[in-house]
Amino acid sequence: MKAKALLLMAFISASAFAQETEFKFAKEGLTDFIVTTYAGSAKDTYNLALAWVKENAKKGYTITSSVENEKVTIQGGKENFLCSKAGGTTVCTYATFTIEISFKDGKFKFDAVGLTEKPNNGTTVVTHDLNDFSEYYNKDGSLKKYKDDVPMAYEALFNDLNKSLVAFMDKKKKADGW
């Protein structure tokens, strides 16, 4: 009986300290950050991330701040972030995101810092609070009408950015003969 109790306590402790590997959308907001295991030194991973930003400059990716070999803050854009049909036409938005990537030997932390959105042909900019998505939910906890695509759009944006970074780093390492 004591062995079962110890195993249960160990499992609960491990679960409490487990790090997320993908962003999830919930009423309480987006996952704070994810941690990706990646072989290499913090310096090498940092330099690969800088090369990824340069590679994506045509998409509007820019470095807004940096601490060499430790952290980089990046801003970029996403065309057609959310699209909806209105009156027989499709209206889409352009998202501007801010991410922060922190580096340690063998891993990096990917943090979704900010997101703004505006209609592709509009000027009104909406700043989203990534720590509170209650605006998308009814009082009963269900998603509001016409908001079905919102959770997937948020998750896909930030998860796809992380996957793009890892794919780029893998490709670059392979090309450099690692």
Protein backbone atom coordinates (compact mmCIF):
# COMPACT_ATOMS: atom_id res chain seq x y z
CA MET A 1 0.00 0.00 0.00
CA LYS A 2 2.84 2.39 0.86
CA ALA A 3 4.51 1.63 -2.47
CA LYS A 4 1.34 2.63 -4.33
CA ALA A 5 1.11 5.87 -2.36
CA LEU A 6 4.75 6.68 -3.13
CA LEU A 7 4.26 5.96 -6.83
CA LEU A 8 1.16 8.15 -6.89
CA MET A 9 3.04 11.01 -5.19
CA ALA A 10 5.94 10.66 -7.65
CA PHE A 11 3.54 10.75 -10.61
CA ILE A 12 1.76 13.84 -9.27
CA SER A 13 5.11 15.58 -8.69
CA ALA A 14 6.33 14.73 -12.18
CA SER A 15 3.09 15.92 -13.72
CA ALA A 16 3.20 19.19 -11.83
CA PHE A 17 6.68 19.98 -13.12
CA ALA A 18 6.18 18.67 -16.66
CA GLN A 19 6.84 21.26 -19.32
CA GLU A 20 4.44 21.83 -22.16
CA THR A 21 5.61 20.94 -25.67
CA GLU A 22 2.69 22.49 -27.59
CA PHE A 23 0.56 25.59 -27.16
CA LYS A 24 -3.05 24.99 -26.12
CA PHE A 25 -5.96 27.44 -26.27
CA ALA A 26 -8.28 27.62 -23.27
CA LYS A 27 -10.68 30.13 -21.72
CA GLU A 28 -7.89 31.03 -19.27
CA GLY A 29 -5.56 31.89 -22.14
CA LEU A 30 -2.82 30.37 -24.22
CA THR A 31 -0.17 28.09 -22.72
CA ASP A 32 2.45 30.43 -21.23
CA PHE A 33 5.41 28.85 -23.02
CA ILE A 34 6.68 25.58 -24.40
CA VAL A 35 10.08 23.96 -24.05
CA THR A 36 11.69 22.18 -26.97
CA THR A 37 14.58 19.79 -26.50
CA TYR A 38 17.22 20.50 -29.11
CA ALA A 39 20.74 19.07 -29.24
CA GLY A 40 23.38 21.74 -29.22
CA SER A 41 24.82 24.52 -27.17
CA ALA A 42 22.86 27.63 -26.29
CA LYS A 43 25.23 29.63 -28.51
CA ASP A 44 24.69 27.39 -31.56
CA THR A 45 20.92 27.27 -31.11
CA TYR A 46 20.83 31.04 -30.65
CA ASN A 47 22.77 31.55 -33.90
CA LEU A 48 20.49 29.14 -35.77
CA ALA A 49 17.45 31.06 -34.50
CA LEU A 50 18.96 34.32 -35.79
CA ALA A 51 19.50 32.67 -39.18
CA TRP A 52 15.83 31.53 -39.12
CA VAL A 53 14.70 35.13 -38.59
CA LYS A 54 16.90 36.29 -41.47
CA GLU A 55 15.49 33.52 -43.67
CA ASN A 56 11.95 34.71 -42.85
CA ALA A 57 12.61 38.43 -43.27
CA LYS A 58 10.41 38.40 -46.39
CA LYS A 59 7.51 37.47 -44.08
CA GLY A 60 8.27 40.50 -41.95
CA TYR A 61 10.16 38.70 -39.18
CA THR A 62 12.44 41.09 -37.31
CA ILE A 63 14.47 40.96 -34.12
CA THR A 64 13.19 43.53 -31.65
CA SER A 65 15.66 42.72 -28.86
CA SER A 66 18.42 40.27 -28.18
CA VAL A 67 20.79 39.10 -25.45
CA GLU A 68 23.60 37.25 -27.19
CA ASN A 69 23.44 33.47 -26.76
CA GLU A 70 20.61 33.78 -24.21
CA LYS A 71 17.43 35.29 -25.59
CA VAL A 72 15.88 36.82 -28.69
CA THR A 73 12.55 38.61 -29.14
CA ILE A 74 11.03 38.39 -32.62
CA GLN A 75 8.11 40.12 -34.26
CA GLY A 76 6.48 38.86 -37.45
CA GLY A 77 3.26 38.65 -39.35
CA LYS A 78 0.76 36.05 -40.53
CA GLU A 79 -1.51 36.66 -43.51
CA ASN A 80 -5.04 35.24 -43.30
CA PHE A 81 -4.76 34.50 -39.60
CA LEU A 82 -8.53 34.25 -39.14
CA CYS A 83 -11.04 34.22 -41.98
CA SER A 84 -14.83 34.39 -41.81
CA LYS A 85 -17.61 34.60 -44.32
CA ALA A 86 -19.77 37.69 -44.19
CA GLY A 87 -22.44 38.54 -46.74
CA GLY A 88 -21.10 36.16 -49.37
CA THR A 89 -17.50 37.38 -49.07
CA THR A 90 -14.60 36.10 -47.03
CA VAL A 91 -12.98 38.55 -44.65
CA CYS A 92 -9.54 37.72 -43.28
CA THR A 93 -7.26 39.29 -40.71
CA TYR A 94 -3.54 39.90 -40.55
CA ALA A 95 -1.85 38.97 -37.29
CA THR A 96 1.30 40.52 -35.89
CA PHE A 97 2.91 38.26 -33.29
CA THR A 98 5.72 38.69 -30.81
CA ILE A 99 7.64 35.67 -29.54
CA GLU A 100 10.56 35.34 -27.17
CA ILE A 101 13.00 32.45 -27.38
CA SER A 102 15.39 31.71 -24.50
CA PHE A 103 18.29 29.32 -24.96
CA LYS A 104 20.02 26.78 -22.72
CA ASP A 105 22.30 23.95 -23.70
CA GLY A 106 20.11 21.17 -25.11
CA LYS A 107 16.81 23.08 -25.15
CA PHE A 108 15.02 26.35 -25.76
CA LYS A 109 11.96 28.04 -24.29
CA PHE A 110 9.47 29.45 -26.81
CA ASP A 111 7.16 32.09 -25.34
CA ALA A 112 4.15 33.68 -27.06
CA VAL A 113 4.42 37.28 -25.85
CA GLY A 114 1.88 39.21 -27.91
CA LEU A 115 -0.62 39.20 -30.75
CA THR A 116 -2.44 41.95 -32.58
CA GLU A 117 -4.91 41.52 -35.38
CA LYS A 118 -6.44 43.74 -38.05
CA PRO A 119 -8.60 43.12 -41.11
CA ASN A 120 -6.45 42.73 -44.24
CA ASN A 121 -8.06 45.81 -45.77
CA GLY A 122 -8.70 47.68 -42.55
CA THR A 123 -6.99 49.94 -40.08
CA THR A 124 -8.54 48.90 -36.76
CA VAL A 125 -5.95 47.01 -34.70
CA VAL A 126 -7.10 44.69 -31.91
CA THR A 127 -4.58 43.68 -29.25
CA HIS A 128 -5.30 40.28 -27.75
CA ASP A 129 -4.64 39.32 -24.15
CA LEU A 130 -2.99 35.91 -24.44
CA ASN A 131 -3.74 35.26 -20.76
CA ASP A 132 -7.53 35.59 -21.04
CA PHE A 133 -9.68 34.27 -23.87
CA SER A 134 -12.99 34.62 -22.04
CA GLU A 135 -14.14 37.01 -24.80
CA TYR A 136 -14.51 33.96 -27.07
CA TYR A 137 -16.69 31.98 -24.65
CA ASN A 138 -20.33 32.02 -23.54
CA LYS A 139 -21.18 31.94 -19.83
CA ASP A 140 -21.84 28.18 -20.08
CA GLY A 141 -18.23 27.60 -21.20
CA SER A 142 -18.99 26.91 -24.87
CA LEU A 143 -17.35 28.83 -27.69
CA LYS A 144 -19.39 31.72 -29.02
CA LYS A 145 -21.10 31.38 -32.37
CA TYR A 146 -18.73 31.80 -35.33
CA LYS A 147 -15.64 31.41 -33.13
CA ASP A 148 -15.01 27.71 -33.86
CA ASP A 149 -11.83 28.46 -35.82
CA VAL A 150 -10.27 30.72 -33.18
CA PRO A 151 -8.64 28.07 -30.92
CA MET A 152 -7.07 26.26 -33.87
CA ALA A 153 -5.79 29.53 -35.37
CA TYR A 154 -4.00 30.53 -32.17
CA GLU A 155 -2.56 27.08 -31.54
CA ALA A 156 -1.49 26.65 -35.17
CA LEU A 157 0.18 30.06 -35.34
CA PHE A 158 2.50 29.55 -32.38
CA ASN A 159 2.99 25.76 -32.74
CA ASP A 160 3.78 26.15 -36.45
CA LEU A 161 6.33 28.88 -35.69
CA ASN A 162 8.11 26.56 -33.26
CA LYS A 163 7.99 23.67 -35.77
CA SER A 164 9.30 25.97 -38.52
CA LEU A 165 12.22 26.99 -36.31
CA VAL A 166 13.11 23.37 -35.50
CA ALA A 167 12.80 22.28 -39.16
CA PHE A 168 15.03 25.17 -40.24
CA MET A 169 17.64 24.36 -37.60
CA ASP A 170 17.63 20.67 -38.57
CA LYS A 171 18.02 21.53 -42.26
CA LYS A 172 20.80 24.04 -41.55
CA LYS A 173 22.70 21.59 -39.32
CA LYS A 174 22.42 18.88 -41.99
CA ALA A 175 23.60 21.27 -44.72
CA ASP A 176 26.55 22.30 -42.55
CA GLY A 177 27.50 18.62 -42.12
CA TRP A 178 26.64 18.12 -38.45
